[in-house]
C-alpha atoms as a PDB file:
ATOM      1  CA  MET A   1      -6.146  10.292 -38.623  1.00  0.00           C
ATOM      2  CA  SER A   2      -6.480  11.057 -34.984  1.00  0.00           C
ATOM      3  CA  SER A   3      -3.682  13.586 -33.457  1.00  0.00           C
ATOM      4  CA  PHE A   4      -3.445  12.062 -30.017  1.00  0.00           C
ATOM      5  CA  LEU A   5      -1.252   8.575 -31.223  1.00  0.00           C
ATOM      6  CA  THR A   6      -0.117   7.694 -34.380  1.00  0.00           C
ATOM      7  CA  ALA A   7       1.764   4.397 -33.991  1.00  0.00           C
ATOM      8  CA  ALA A   8       4.722   3.315 -36.269  1.00  0.00           C
ATOM      9  CA  ARG A   9       6.004  -0.212 -35.863  1.00  0.00           C
ATOM     10  CA  PHE A  10       9.338  -0.664 -38.310  1.00  0.00           C
ATOM     11  CA  SER A  11      10.996  -3.493 -36.726  1.00  0.00           C
ATOM     12  CA  SER A  12      14.240  -5.854 -37.882  1.00  0.00           C
ATOM     13  CA  ARG A  13      12.180  -8.952 -37.143  1.00  0.00           C
ATOM     14  CA  ALA A  14      10.143  -9.158 -40.289  1.00  0.00           C
ATOM     15  CA  ILE A  15      12.840  -8.553 -42.210  1.00  0.00           C
ATOM     16  CA  THR A  16      14.781 -11.212 -43.992  1.00  0.00           C
ATOM     17  CA  ARG A  17      17.640 -10.659 -45.055  1.00  0.00           C
ATOM     18  CA  PRO A  18      21.079 -12.805 -46.103  1.00  0.00           C
ATOM     19  CA  SER A  19      23.694 -13.159 -44.077  1.00  0.00           C
ATOM     20  CA  ILE A  20      26.553 -11.134 -43.837  1.00  0.00           C
ATOM     21  CA  GLN A  21      28.893 -13.380 -46.066  1.00  0.00           C
ATOM     22  CA  THR A  22      26.346 -12.871 -49.268  1.00  0.00           C
ATOM     23  CA  SER A  23      24.928  -9.523 -48.960  1.00  0.00           C
ATOM     24  CA  ARG A  24      25.241  -7.551 -52.047  1.00  0.00           C
ATOM     25  CA  ARG A  25      23.914  -4.772 -49.913  1.00  0.00           C
ATOM     26  CA  THR A  26      25.004  -1.388 -51.077  1.00  0.00           C
ATOM     27  CA  PHE A  27      25.164   0.221 -48.201  1.00  0.00           C
ATOM     28  CA  LEU A  28      24.468   4.804 -47.431  1.00  0.00           C
ATOM     29  CA  THR A  29      27.190   6.509 -47.329  1.00  0.00           C
ATOM     30  CA  LEU A  30      28.628  10.243 -46.599  1.00  0.00           C
ATOM     31  CA  GLU A  31      30.012  12.908 -48.907  1.00  0.00           C
ATOM     32  CA  ASN A  32      30.500  14.993 -45.685  1.00  0.00           C
ATOM     33  CA  HIS A  33      30.470  15.898 -41.681  1.00  0.00           C
ATOM     34  CA  LYS A  34      28.905  18.292 -40.866  1.00  0.00           C
ATOM     35  CA  TYR A  35      29.939  16.830 -37.399  1.00  0.00           C
ATOM     36  CA  THR A  36      31.209  14.512 -35.363  1.00  0.00           C
ATOM     37  CA  ALA A  37      30.454  12.334 -31.850  1.00  0.00           C
ATOM     38  CA  THR A  38      32.611  10.083 -30.389  1.00  0.00           C
ATOM     39  CA  ALA A  39      32.979   7.823 -26.588  1.00  0.00           C
ATOM     40  CA  VAL A  40      35.180   6.026 -25.311  1.00  0.00           C
ATOM     41  CA  ALA A  41      34.046   2.905 -22.850  1.00  0.00           C
ATOM     42  CA  SER A  42      36.543   1.307 -21.219  1.00  0.00           C
ATOM     43  CA  GLY A  43      36.784  -0.902 -18.109  1.00  0.00           C
ATOM     44  CA  ALA A  44      34.173  -4.188 -17.695  1.00  0.00           C
ATOM     45  CA  GLY A  45      32.257  -3.771 -21.040  1.00  0.00           C
ATOM     46  CA  ARG A  46      28.925  -2.949 -20.114  1.00  0.00           C
ATOM     47  CA  ASN A  47      29.549  -2.861 -16.873  1.00  0.00           C
ATOM     48  CA  GLY A  48      32.539  -0.957 -17.436  1.00  0.00           C
ATOM     49  CA  THR A  49      32.419   3.231 -18.707  1.00  0.00           C
ATOM     50  CA  VAL A  50      32.349   5.264 -21.394  1.00  0.00           C
ATOM     51  CA  THR A  51      32.536   9.615 -21.986  1.00  0.00           C
ATOM     52  CA  SER A  52      31.648  11.269 -24.818  1.00  0.00           C
ATOM     53  CA  ASN A  53      33.167  15.049 -24.290  1.00  0.00           C
ATOM     54  CA  GLY A  54      32.844  15.139 -20.924  1.00  0.00           C
ATOM     55  CA  LEU A  55      29.766  12.961 -20.580  1.00  0.00           C
ATOM     56  CA  LYS A  56      30.646   9.811 -19.157  1.00  0.00           C
ATOM     57  CA  LEU A  57      28.072   7.282 -17.950  1.00  0.00           C
ATOM     58  CA  ASN A  58      28.683   4.285 -15.812  1.00  0.00           C
ATOM     59  CA  LEU A  59      27.672   0.859 -17.396  1.00  0.00           C
ATOM     60  CA  ALA A  60      25.652  -1.424 -15.890  1.00  0.00           C
ATOM     61  CA  MET A  61      24.097  -5.507 -17.441  1.00  0.00           C
ATOM     62  CA  PRO A  62      20.247  -5.135 -17.078  1.00  0.00           C
ATOM     63  CA  LYS A  63      19.416  -6.694 -14.689  1.00  0.00           C
ATOM     64  CA  GLU A  64      17.407  -8.909 -17.699  1.00  0.00           C
ATOM     65  CA  LEU A  65      20.929 -10.311 -19.490  1.00  0.00           C
ATOM     66  CA  GLY A  66      22.010 -11.396 -15.534  1.00  0.00           C
ATOM     67  CA  GLY A  67      23.538  -8.082 -14.657  1.00  0.00           C
ATOM     68  CA  SER A  68      23.027  -5.547 -11.907  1.00  0.00           C
ATOM     69  CA  GLY A  69      20.731  -2.310 -12.931  1.00  0.00           C
ATOM     70  CA  ASN A  70      22.663   0.001 -11.678  1.00  0.00           C
ATOM     71  CA  GLY A  71      23.779   1.601 -14.636  1.00  0.00           C
ATOM     72  CA  GLU A  72      23.180   3.033 -18.474  1.00  0.00           C
ATOM     73  CA  ASN A  73      23.542  -0.094 -21.374  1.00  0.00           C
ATOM     74  CA  PRO A  74      23.446   0.895 -24.595  1.00  0.00           C
ATOM     75  CA  GLU A  75      20.060  -0.243 -25.764  1.00  0.00           C
ATOM     76  CA  GLN A  76      18.768   2.831 -23.462  1.00  0.00           C
ATOM     77  CA  LEU A  77      21.359   5.141 -25.389  1.00  0.00           C
ATOM     78  CA  PHE A  78      20.299   3.744 -28.802  1.00  0.00           C
ATOM     79  CA  ALA A  79      16.389   5.040 -27.875  1.00  0.00           C
ATOM     80  CA  MET A  80      17.705   7.903 -26.208  1.00  0.00           C
ATOM     81  CA  GLY A  81      19.683   9.236 -28.698  1.00  0.00           C
ATOM     82  CA  TYR A  82      16.725   7.427 -32.177  1.00  0.00           C
ATOM     83  CA  SER A  83      13.973   9.059 -29.610  1.00  0.00           C
ATOM     84  CA  SER A  84      15.475  12.036 -30.066  1.00  0.00           C
ATOM     85  CA  CYS A  85      16.622  12.719 -33.103  1.00  0.00           C
ATOM     86  CA  LEU A  86      13.309  11.482 -34.968  1.00  0.00           C
ATOM     87  CA  LEU A  87      11.406  13.839 -33.283  1.00  0.00           C
ATOM     88  CA  GLY A  88      14.027  16.154 -35.201  1.00  0.00           C
ATOM     89  CA  ALA A  89      13.219  14.642 -37.657  1.00  0.00           C
ATOM     90  CA  ILE A  90       9.692  15.395 -37.151  1.00  0.00           C
ATOM     91  CA  GLN A  91      10.086  18.979 -36.305  1.00  0.00           C
ATOM     92  CA  ALA A  92      12.463  19.965 -39.016  1.00  0.00           C
ATOM     93  CA  VAL A  93       9.893  18.576 -42.169  1.00  0.00           C
ATOM     94  CA  ALA A  94       6.760  20.622 -40.356  1.00  0.00           C
ATOM     95  CA  ARG A  95       8.602  23.816 -40.485  1.00  0.00           C
ATOM     96  CA  GLN A  96      10.275  23.461 -43.808  1.00  0.00           C
ATOM     97  CA  ALA A  97       6.301  22.043 -45.108  1.00  0.00           C
ATOM     98  CA  GLY A  98       5.152  25.220 -44.069  1.00  0.00           C
ATOM     99  CA  LYS A  99       3.749  23.152 -40.517  1.00  0.00           C
ATOM    100  CA  PRO A 100       5.713  23.735 -37.653  1.00  0.00           C
ATOM    101  CA  ASP A 101       2.546  23.765 -35.783  1.00  0.00           C
ATOM    102  CA  ALA A 102       1.083  19.985 -36.996  1.00  0.00           C
ATOM    103  CA  ALA A 103       4.692  18.656 -34.757  1.00  0.00           C
ATOM    104  CA  LYS A 104       4.489  20.718 -32.239  1.00  0.00           C
ATOM    105  CA  ASP A 105       2.881  18.087 -29.610  1.00  0.00           C
ATOM    106  CA  ALA A 106       4.593  15.128 -31.358  1.00  0.00           C
ATOM    107  CA  LYS A 107       5.880  12.820 -28.559  1.00  0.00           C
ATOM    108  CA  VAL A 108       8.608   9.830 -29.383  1.00  0.00           C
ATOM    109  CA  HIS A 109       8.260   6.392 -28.201  1.00  0.00           C
ATOM    110  CA  VAL A 110      11.193   4.105 -28.922  1.00  0.00           C
ATOM    111  CA  SER A 111      11.297   0.782 -27.827  1.00  0.00           C
ATOM    112  CA  VAL A 112      14.840  -0.775 -28.175  1.00  0.00           C
ATOM    113  CA  HIS A 113      15.663  -4.753 -28.743  1.00  0.00           C
ATOM    114  CA  LEU A 114      18.396  -7.086 -28.017  1.00  0.00           C
ATOM    115  CA  GLY A 115      18.230 -10.782 -28.558  1.00  0.00           C
ATOM    116  CA  GLU A 116      18.866 -12.867 -31.084  1.00  0.00           C
ATOM    117  CA  PRO A 117      18.779 -12.786 -34.896  1.00  0.00           C
ATOM    118  CA  THR A 118      17.945 -15.392 -36.790  1.00  0.00           C
ATOM    119  CA  GLY A 119      20.437 -17.378 -39.071  1.00  0.00           C
ATOM    120  CA  MET A 120      23.048 -15.846 -37.674  1.00  0.00           C
ATOM    121  CA  PRO A 121      25.360 -16.331 -34.150  1.00  0.00           C
ATOM    122  CA  GLY A 122      25.380 -13.418 -31.400  1.00  0.00           C
ATOM    123  CA  PHE A 123      23.299 -10.436 -30.817  1.00  0.00           C
ATOM    124  CA  GLY A 124      21.226  -8.097 -33.295  1.00  0.00           C
ATOM    125  CA  ILE A 125      19.061  -6.381 -32.375  1.00  0.00           C
ATOM    126  CA  GLY A 126      14.725  -4.476 -33.772  1.00  0.00           C
ATOM    127  CA  ALA A 127      13.626  -1.652 -31.989  1.00  0.00           C
ATOM    128  CA  ASP A 128       9.749  -0.735 -32.137  1.00  0.00           C
ATOM    129  CA  VAL A 129       8.669   3.167 -31.691  1.00  0.00           C
ATOM    130  CA  LYS A 130       4.923   5.155 -32.004  1.00  0.00           C
ATOM    131  CA  VAL A 131       4.776   8.461 -31.950  1.00  0.00           C
ATOM    132  CA  GLU A 132       2.153  11.307 -30.528  1.00  0.00           C
ATOM    133  CA  GLY A 133       0.749  13.555 -32.183  1.00  0.00           C
ATOM    134  CA  VAL A 134       0.895  13.218 -35.407  1.00  0.00           C
ATOM    135  CA  ASP A 135      -0.403  12.734 -38.595  1.00  0.00           C
ATOM    136  CA  ASP A 136       0.963   9.459 -40.426  1.00  0.00           C
ATOM    137  CA  GLU A 137       1.735  11.793 -43.297  1.00  0.00           C
ATOM    138  CA  LEU A 138       4.996  13.470 -42.010  1.00  0.00           C
ATOM    139  CA  LEU A 139       5.466  10.471 -39.602  1.00  0.00           C
ATOM    140  CA  GLN A 140       6.521   9.236 -42.814  1.00  0.00           C
ATOM    141  CA  LYS A 141       8.363  11.688 -44.610  1.00  0.00           C
ATOM    142  CA  ALA A 142      10.725  11.893 -40.752  1.00  0.00           C
ATOM    143  CA  HIS A 143      11.262   8.538 -41.098  1.00  0.00           C
ATOM    144  CA  GLU A 144      13.040   8.888 -43.431  1.00  0.00           C
ATOM    145  CA  PHE A 145      15.136  12.212 -43.622  1.00  0.00           C
ATOM    146  CA  CYS A 146      16.471  11.027 -39.657  1.00  0.00           C
ATOM    147  CA  PRO A 147      19.559   9.576 -39.870  1.00  0.00           C
ATOM    148  CA  TYR A 148      19.024   7.586 -37.171  1.00  0.00           C
ATOM    149  CA  SER A 149      15.750   5.695 -39.720  1.00  0.00           C
ATOM    150  CA  ARG A 150      17.847   5.495 -41.935  1.00  0.00           C
ATOM    151  CA  ALA A 151      21.028   3.778 -40.493  1.00  0.00           C
ATOM    152  CA  LEU A 152      18.346   1.099 -39.539  1.00  0.00           C
ATOM    153  CA  LYS A 153      16.969   0.397 -43.732  1.00  0.00           C
ATOM    154  CA  TYR A 154      20.206   1.146 -45.766  1.00  0.00           C
ATOM    155  CA  GLY A 155      22.433  -0.328 -43.492  1.00  0.00           C
ATOM    156  CA  VAL A 156      25.839   2.611 -43.133  1.00  0.00           C
ATOM    157  CA  ASN A 157      29.121   0.943 -44.092  1.00  0.00           C
ATOM    158  CA  VAL A 158      31.202   1.227 -40.449  1.00  0.00           C
ATOM    159  CA  GLN A 159      35.110   0.297 -40.224  1.00  0.00           C
ATOM    160  CA  ALA A 160      36.076  -0.926 -37.855  1.00  0.00           C
ATOM    161  CA  THR A 161      40.134  -1.324 -37.320  1.00  0.00           C
ATOM    162  CA  ALA A 162      42.784  -2.024 -34.961  1.00  0.00           C
ATOM    163  CA  ALA A 163      44.623   1.917 -32.871  1.00  0.00           C
END
């Protein structure tokens, strides 16, 4: 298999799931917390600001959604987080297998799509992932290991409460 480009497409668009109200899905849970990142969004939502541990970003709706495009948006931040996390997982799995050089040229491309989900109101996200420089076996093992991939595959238990 070519080490130049291994393409993997992980997309929620191809999966049919029951509506949220009837789902009996078991979500991924954590036994303990090794690290916690926090963020605070304020202002005009997608046209406001978001801060996390001293990092402050000005948000702007993408031009494609009628905004100015003069700032970051949540989908960009998600794509950045997912690509860096999966790259780290690829490198970790390669090290665990005693083959760190198998990941030395890896490059992860993630596209995050915002759109209307089938069969429910509002918006949803999907992701396409393409990885250069690794074979499919390493990619699949890393995909199973990556916290972002696991969250998208198994879901996470999210609790939203009023502060």
